[in-house]
């Protein structure tokens, strides 16, 4: 897939970060990923490992399907 904006609900992740008053760096650290990997996911860059979505979903306490369109 060439564009993850159609795949990943980036607004759900961004809203969670804002609602919990976290920086992207803090959020990434709590998810157990690097901030650069988080930025790839949020930017719509299709070049990221799906394991990052699993880690994000786990920290957010949601099913991974809730992060996918």
PDB file of N, CA and C in Angstrom:
ATOM      1  N   UNK A   1       0.851  -1.179   0.000  1.00  0.00           N
ATOM      2  CA  UNK A   1       0.000   0.000   0.000  1.00  0.00           C
ATOM      3  C   UNK A   1       0.890   1.234   0.000  1.00  0.00           C
ATOM      4  N   UNK A   2       0.624   2.178  -0.849  1.00  0.00           N
ATOM      5  CA  UNK A   2       1.508   3.324  -1.005  1.00  0.00           C
ATOM      6  C   UNK A   2       1.255   4.426   0.003  1.00  0.00           C
ATOM      7  N   UNK A   3       0.093   4.471   0.623  1.00  0.00           N
ATOM      8  CA  UNK A   3      -0.222   5.557   1.528  1.00  0.00           C
ATOM      9  C   UNK A   3      -0.985   5.025   2.737  1.00  0.00           C
ATOM     10  N   UNK A   4      -0.369   5.138   3.909  1.00  0.00           N
ATOM     11  CA  UNK A   4      -1.005   4.604   5.109  1.00  0.00           C
ATOM     12  C   UNK A   4      -2.074   5.525   5.654  1.00  0.00           C
ATOM     13  N   UNK A   5      -2.220   6.739   5.125  1.00  0.00           N
ATOM     14  CA  UNK A   5      -3.289   7.602   5.615  1.00  0.00           C
ATOM     15  C   UNK A   5      -4.634   6.948   5.362  1.00  0.00           C
ATOM     16  N   UNK A   6      -4.725   6.141   4.337  1.00  0.00           N
ATOM     17  CA  UNK A   6      -5.948   5.400   4.071  1.00  0.00           C
ATOM     18  C   UNK A   6      -6.035   4.169   4.966  1.00  0.00           C
ATOM     19  N   UNK A   7      -4.921   3.739   5.503  1.00  0.00           N
ATOM     20  CA  UNK A   7      -4.855   2.531   6.303  1.00  0.00           C
ATOM     21  C   UNK A   7      -4.942   2.822   7.805  1.00  0.00           C
ATOM     22  N   UNK A   8      -4.178   3.793   8.283  1.00  0.00           N
ATOM     23  CA  UNK A   8      -4.070   4.076   9.718  1.00  0.00           C
ATOM     24  C   UNK A   8      -4.888   5.313  10.073  1.00  0.00           C
ATOM     25  N   UNK A   9      -5.632   5.204  11.162  1.00  0.00           N
ATOM     26  CA  UNK A   9      -6.383   6.353  11.678  1.00  0.00           C
ATOM     27  C   UNK A   9      -5.425   7.224  12.498  1.00  0.00           C
ATOM     28  N   UNK A  10      -4.659   8.035  11.804  1.00  0.00           N
ATOM     29  CA  UNK A  10      -3.664   8.864  12.475  1.00  0.00           C
ATOM     30  C   UNK A  10      -4.308   9.855  13.440  1.00  0.00           C
ATOM     31  N   UNK A  11      -5.525  10.292  13.129  1.00  0.00           N
ATOM     32  CA  UNK A  11      -6.195  11.248  14.004  1.00  0.00           C
ATOM     33  C   UNK A  11      -6.534  10.625  15.360  1.00  0.00           C
ATOM     34  N   UNK A  12      -6.799   9.327  15.384  1.00  0.00           N
ATOM     35  CA  UNK A  12      -7.085   8.639  16.652  1.00  0.00           C
ATOM     36  C   UNK A  12      -5.852   8.654  17.546  1.00  0.00           C
ATOM     37  N   UNK A  13      -4.704   8.389  16.953  1.00  0.00           N
ATOM     38  CA  UNK A  13      -3.449   8.393  17.713  1.00  0.00           C
ATOM     39  C   UNK A  13      -3.116   9.810  18.160  1.00  0.00           C
ATOM     40  N   UNK A  14      -3.219  10.773  17.247  1.00  0.00           N
ATOM     41  CA  UNK A  14      -2.916  12.172  17.586  1.00  0.00           C
ATOM     42  C   UNK A  14      -3.830  12.693  18.678  1.00  0.00           C
ATOM     43  N   UNK A  15      -5.119  12.350  18.608  1.00  0.00           N
ATOM     44  CA  UNK A  15      -6.062  12.786  19.640  1.00  0.00           C
ATOM     45  C   UNK A  15      -5.713  12.182  20.997  1.00  0.00           C
ATOM     46  N   UNK A  16      -5.318  10.912  21.015  1.00  0.00           N
ATOM     47  CA  UNK A  16      -4.923  10.262  22.264  1.00  0.00           C
ATOM     48  C   UNK A  16      -3.730  10.990  22.881  1.00  0.00           C
ATOM     49  N   UNK A  17      -2.750  11.326  22.045  1.00  0.00           N
ATOM     50  CA  UNK A  17      -1.553  12.030  22.525  1.00  0.00           C
ATOM     51  C   UNK A  17      -1.948  13.370  23.144  1.00  0.00           C
ATOM     52  N   UNK A  18      -2.806  14.126  22.452  1.00  0.00           N
ATOM     53  CA  UNK A  18      -3.234  15.440  22.948  1.00  0.00           C
ATOM     54  C   UNK A  18      -4.064  15.320  24.217  1.00  0.00           C
ATOM     55  N   UNK A  19      -5.019  14.386  24.230  1.00  0.00           N
ATOM     56  CA  UNK A  19      -5.904  14.222  25.388  1.00  0.00           C
ATOM     57  C   UNK A  19      -5.142  13.815  26.643  1.00  0.00           C
ATOM     58  N   UNK A  20      -4.046  13.097  26.460  1.00  0.00           N
ATOM     59  CA  UNK A  20      -3.251  12.655  27.605  1.00  0.00           C
ATOM     60  C   UNK A  20      -2.057  13.557  27.874  1.00  0.00           C
ATOM     61  N   UNK A  21      -2.028  14.695  27.176  1.00  0.00           N
ATOM     62  CA  UNK A  21      -1.004  15.722  27.374  1.00  0.00           C
ATOM     63  C   UNK A  21       0.412  15.144  27.316  1.00  0.00           C
ATOM     64  N   UNK A  22       0.646  14.343  26.277  1.00  0.00           N
ATOM     65  CA  UNK A  22       1.951  13.732  26.062  1.00  0.00           C
ATOM     66  C   UNK A  22       2.622  14.379  24.864  1.00  0.00           C
ATOM     67  N   UNK A  23       3.945  14.425  24.905  1.00  0.00           N
ATOM     68  CA  UNK A  23       4.673  14.786  23.695  1.00  0.00           C
ATOM     69  C   UNK A  23       4.776  13.526  22.843  1.00  0.00           C
ATOM     70  N   UNK A  24       5.096  13.686  21.581  1.00  0.00           N
ATOM     71  CA  UNK A  24       5.273  12.516  20.724  1.00  0.00           C
ATOM     72  C   UNK A  24       6.401  11.638  21.248  1.00  0.00           C
ATOM     73  N   UNK A  25       7.444  12.262  21.771  1.00  0.00           N
ATOM     74  CA  UNK A  25       8.570  11.508  22.322  1.00  0.00           C
ATOM     75  C   UNK A  25       8.141  10.695  23.545  1.00  0.00           C
ATOM     76  N   UNK A  26       7.352  11.295  24.430  1.00  0.00           N
ATOM     77  CA  UNK A  26       6.858  10.590  25.614  1.00  0.00           C
ATOM     78  C   UNK A  26       5.939   9.438  25.216  1.00  0.00           C
ATOM     79  N   UNK A  27       5.037   9.704  24.278  1.00  0.00           N
ATOM     80  CA  UNK A  27       4.117   8.673  23.812  1.00  0.00           C
ATOM     81  C   UNK A  27       4.885   7.502  23.216  1.00  0.00           C
ATOM     82  N   UNK A  28       5.845   7.803  22.348  1.00  0.00           N
ATOM     83  CA  UNK A  28       6.643   6.753  21.710  1.00  0.00           C
ATOM     84  C   UNK A  28       7.366   5.915  22.762  1.00  0.00           C
ATOM     85  N   UNK A  29       7.954   6.578  23.752  1.00  0.00           N
ATOM     86  CA  UNK A  29       8.679   5.860  24.799  1.00  0.00           C
ATOM     87  C   UNK A  29       7.731   4.941  25.581  1.00  0.00           C
ATOM     88  N   UNK A  30       6.540   5.409  25.882  1.00  0.00           N
ATOM     89  CA  UNK A  30       5.573   4.590  26.615  1.00  0.00           C
ATOM     90  C   UNK A  30       5.082   3.404  25.780  1.00  0.00           C
ATOM     91  N   UNK A  31       5.090   3.579  24.453  1.00  0.00           N
ATOM     92  CA  UNK A  31       4.712   2.485  23.553  1.00  0.00           C
ATOM     93  C   UNK A  31       5.855   1.503  23.351  1.00  0.00           C
ATOM     94  N   UNK A  32       7.064   1.921  23.675  1.00  0.00           N
ATOM     95  CA  UNK A  32       8.232   1.067  23.468  1.00  0.00           C
ATOM     96  C   UNK A  32       8.771   1.142  22.047  1.00  0.00           C
ATOM     97  N   UNK A  33       8.525   2.284  21.399  1.00  0.00           N
ATOM     98  CA  UNK A  33       9.050   2.485  20.049  1.00  0.00           C
ATOM     99  C   UNK A  33       9.854   3.776  20.009  1.00  0.00           C
ATOM    100  N   UNK A  34      10.595   3.962  18.930  1.00  0.00           N
ATOM    101  CA  UNK A  34      11.376   5.167  18.725  1.00  0.00           C
ATOM    102  C   UNK A  34      10.469   6.263  18.191  1.00  0.00           C
ATOM    103  N   UNK A  35      10.745   7.500  18.560  1.00  0.00           N
ATOM    104  CA  UNK A  35       9.925   8.617  18.094  1.00  0.00           C
ATOM    105  C   UNK A  35       9.938   8.723  16.572  1.00  0.00           C
ATOM    106  N   UNK A  36      11.030   8.317  15.937  1.00  0.00           N
ATOM    107  CA  UNK A  36      11.094   8.366  14.465  1.00  0.00           C
ATOM    108  C   UNK A  36      10.101   7.381  13.856  1.00  0.00           C
ATOM    109  N   UNK A  37       9.931   6.240  14.498  1.00  0.00           N
ATOM    110  CA  UNK A  37       8.961   5.264  14.001  1.00  0.00           C
ATOM    111  C   UNK A  37       7.538   5.774  14.178  1.00  0.00           C
ATOM    112  N   UNK A  38       7.279   6.443  15.286  1.00  0.00           N
ATOM    113  CA  UNK A  38       5.963   7.046  15.501  1.00  0.00           C
ATOM    114  C   UNK A  38       5.692   8.092  14.429  1.00  0.00           C
ATOM    115  N   UNK A  39       6.683   8.893  14.130  1.00  0.00           N
ATOM    116  CA  UNK A  39       6.513   9.935  13.104  1.00  0.00           C
ATOM    117  C   UNK A  39       6.236   9.323  11.740  1.00  0.00           C
ATOM    118  N   UNK A  40       6.850   8.181  11.446  1.00  0.00           N
ATOM    119  CA  UNK A  40       6.563   7.490  10.183  1.00  0.00           C
ATOM    120  C   UNK A  40       5.094   7.084  10.125  1.00  0.00           C
ATOM    121  N   UNK A  41       4.596   6.526  11.208  1.00  0.00           N
ATOM    122  CA  UNK A  41       3.204   6.093  11.260  1.00  0.00           C
ATOM    123  C   UNK A  41       2.275   7.291  11.093  1.00  0.00           C
ATOM    124  N   UNK A  42       2.549   8.378  11.812  1.00  0.00           N
ATOM    125  CA  UNK A  42       1.678   9.543  11.792  1.00  0.00           C
ATOM    126  C   UNK A  42       1.769  10.348  10.501  1.00  0.00           C
ATOM    127  N   UNK A  43       2.890  10.244   9.803  1.00  0.00           N
ATOM    128  CA  UNK A  43       3.074  11.033   8.579  1.00  0.00           C
ATOM    129  C   UNK A  43       2.444  10.386   7.358  1.00  0.00           C
ATOM    130  N   UNK A  44       2.021   9.133   7.505  1.00  0.00           N
ATOM    131  CA  UNK A  44       1.479   8.434   6.354  1.00  0.00           C
ATOM    132  C   UNK A  44       2.554   7.708   5.570  1.00  0.00           C
ATOM    133  N   UNK A  45       3.763   7.666   6.102  1.00  0.00           N
ATOM    134  CA  UNK A  45       4.859   6.952   5.450  1.00  0.00           C
ATOM    135  C   UNK A  45       4.551   5.456   5.498  1.00  0.00           C
ATOM    136  N   UNK A  46       4.508   4.828   4.345  1.00  0.00           N
ATOM    137  CA  UNK A  46       4.156   3.405   4.272  1.00  0.00           C
ATOM    138  C   UNK A  46       5.315   2.502   4.669  1.00  0.00           C
ATOM    139  N   UNK A  47       6.465   3.069   4.908  1.00  0.00           N
ATOM    140  CA  UNK A  47       7.653   2.288   5.215  1.00  0.00           C
ATOM    141  C   UNK A  47       7.843   2.149   6.726  1.00  0.00           C
ATOM    142  N   UNK A  48       6.919   1.426   7.378  1.00  0.00           N
ATOM    143  CA  UNK A  48       7.095   1.133   8.799  1.00  0.00           C
ATOM    144  C   UNK A  48       6.641  -0.290   9.073  1.00  0.00           C
ATOM    145  N   UNK A  49       7.166  -0.855  10.139  1.00  0.00           N
ATOM    146  CA  UNK A  49       6.843  -2.228  10.524  1.00  0.00           C
ATOM    147  C   UNK A  49       5.513  -2.237  11.279  1.00  0.00           C
ATOM    148  N   UNK A  50       4.650  -3.163  10.947  1.00  0.00           N
ATOM    149  CA  UNK A  50       3.319  -3.242  11.565  1.00  0.00           C
ATOM    150  C   UNK A  50       3.406  -3.469  13.077  1.00  0.00           C
ATOM    151  N   UNK A  51       4.520  -3.965  13.566  1.00  0.00           N
ATOM    152  CA  UNK A  51       4.672  -4.176  15.007  1.00  0.00           C
ATOM    153  C   UNK A  51       4.518  -2.861  15.766  1.00  0.00           C
ATOM    154  N   UNK A  52       4.844  -1.738  15.126  1.00  0.00           N
ATOM    155  CA  UNK A  52       4.676  -0.441  15.785  1.00  0.00           C
ATOM    156  C   UNK A  52       3.206  -0.175  16.080  1.00  0.00           C
ATOM    157  N   UNK A  53       2.336  -0.555  15.164  1.00  0.00           N
ATOM    158  CA  UNK A  53       0.898  -0.372  15.397  1.00  0.00           C
ATOM    159  C   UNK A  53       0.414  -1.241  16.552  1.00  0.00           C
ATOM    160  N   UNK A  54       0.941  -2.450  16.645  1.00  0.00           N
ATOM    161  CA  UNK A  54       0.562  -3.322  17.763  1.00  0.00           C
ATOM    162  C   UNK A  54       0.999  -2.710  19.091  1.00  0.00           C
ATOM    163  N   UNK A  55       2.202  -2.151  19.130  1.00  0.00           N
ATOM    164  CA  UNK A  55       2.699  -1.544  20.358  1.00  0.00           C
ATOM    165  C   UNK A  55       1.898  -0.302  20.729  1.00  0.00           C
ATOM    166  N   UNK A  56       1.548   0.488  19.718  1.00  0.00           N
ATOM    167  CA  UNK A  56       0.731   1.677  19.960  1.00  0.00           C
ATOM    168  C   UNK A  56      -0.641   1.268  20.490  1.00  0.00           C
ATOM    169  N   UNK A  57      -1.265   0.297  19.843  1.00  0.00           N
ATOM    170  CA  UNK A  57      -2.585  -0.176  20.272  1.00  0.00           C
ATOM    171  C   UNK A  57      -2.534  -0.716  21.696  1.00  0.00           C
ATOM    172  N   UNK A  58      -1.495  -1.445  22.023  1.00  0.00           N
ATOM    173  CA  UNK A  58      -1.369  -2.011  23.367  1.00  0.00           C
ATOM    174  C   UNK A  58      -1.293  -0.905  24.414  1.00  0.00           C
ATOM    175  N   UNK A  59      -0.465   0.116  24.151  1.00  0.00           N
ATOM    176  CA  UNK A  59      -0.356   1.213  25.112  1.00  0.00           C
ATOM    177  C   UNK A  59      -1.674   1.980  25.230  1.00  0.00           C
ATOM    178  N   UNK A  60      -2.355   2.186  24.100  1.00  0.00           N
ATOM    179  CA  UNK A  60      -3.614   2.914  24.115  1.00  0.00           C
ATOM    180  C   UNK A  60      -4.759   2.082  24.670  1.00  0.00           C
ATOM    181  N   UNK A  61      -4.493   0.788  24.882  1.00  0.00           N
ATOM    182  CA  UNK A  61      -5.494  -0.145  25.392  1.00  0.00           C
ATOM    183  C   UNK A  61      -6.698  -0.248  24.448  1.00  0.00           C
ATOM    184  N   UNK A  62      -6.375  -0.386  23.151  1.00  0.00           N
ATOM    185  CA  UNK A  62      -7.404  -0.576  22.121  1.00  0.00           C
ATOM    186  C   UNK A  62      -7.011  -1.759  21.249  1.00  0.00           C
ATOM    187  N   UNK A  63      -7.970  -2.281  20.527  1.00  0.00           N
ATOM    188  CA  UNK A  63      -7.691  -3.327  19.550  1.00  0.00           C
ATOM    189  C   UNK A  63      -7.029  -2.671  18.336  1.00  0.00           C
ATOM    190  N   UNK A  64      -6.127  -3.387  17.690  1.00  0.00           N
ATOM    191  CA  UNK A  64      -5.443  -2.806  16.535  1.00  0.00           C
ATOM    192  C   UNK A  64      -6.432  -2.405  15.441  1.00  0.00           C
ATOM    193  N   UNK A  65      -7.546  -3.106  15.344  1.00  0.00           N
ATOM    194  CA  UNK A  65      -8.539  -2.774  14.314  1.00  0.00           C
ATOM    195  C   UNK A  65      -9.114  -1.370  14.529  1.00  0.00           C
ATOM    196  N   UNK A  66      -9.050  -0.849  15.759  1.00  0.00           N
ATOM    197  CA  UNK A  66      -9.535   0.500  16.036  1.00  0.00           C
ATOM    198  C   UNK A  66      -8.603   1.567  15.481  1.00  0.00           C
ATOM    199  N   UNK A  67      -7.390   1.167  15.099  1.00  0.00           N
ATOM    200  CA  UNK A  67      -6.428   2.100  14.527  1.00  0.00           C
ATOM    201  C   UNK A  67      -6.376   2.001  13.010  1.00  0.00           C
ATOM    202  N   UNK A  68      -7.154   1.089  12.461  1.00  0.00           N
ATOM    203  CA  UNK A  68      -7.159   0.879  11.014  1.00  0.00           C
ATOM    204  C   UNK A  68      -8.486   1.333  10.407  1.00  0.00           C
ATOM    205  N   UNK A  69      -8.392   1.893   9.218  1.00  0.00           N
ATOM    206  CA  UNK A  69      -9.598   2.274   8.474  1.00  0.00           C
ATOM    207  C   UNK A  69     -10.189   1.067   7.800  1.00  0.00           C
TER     208      UNK A  69
END
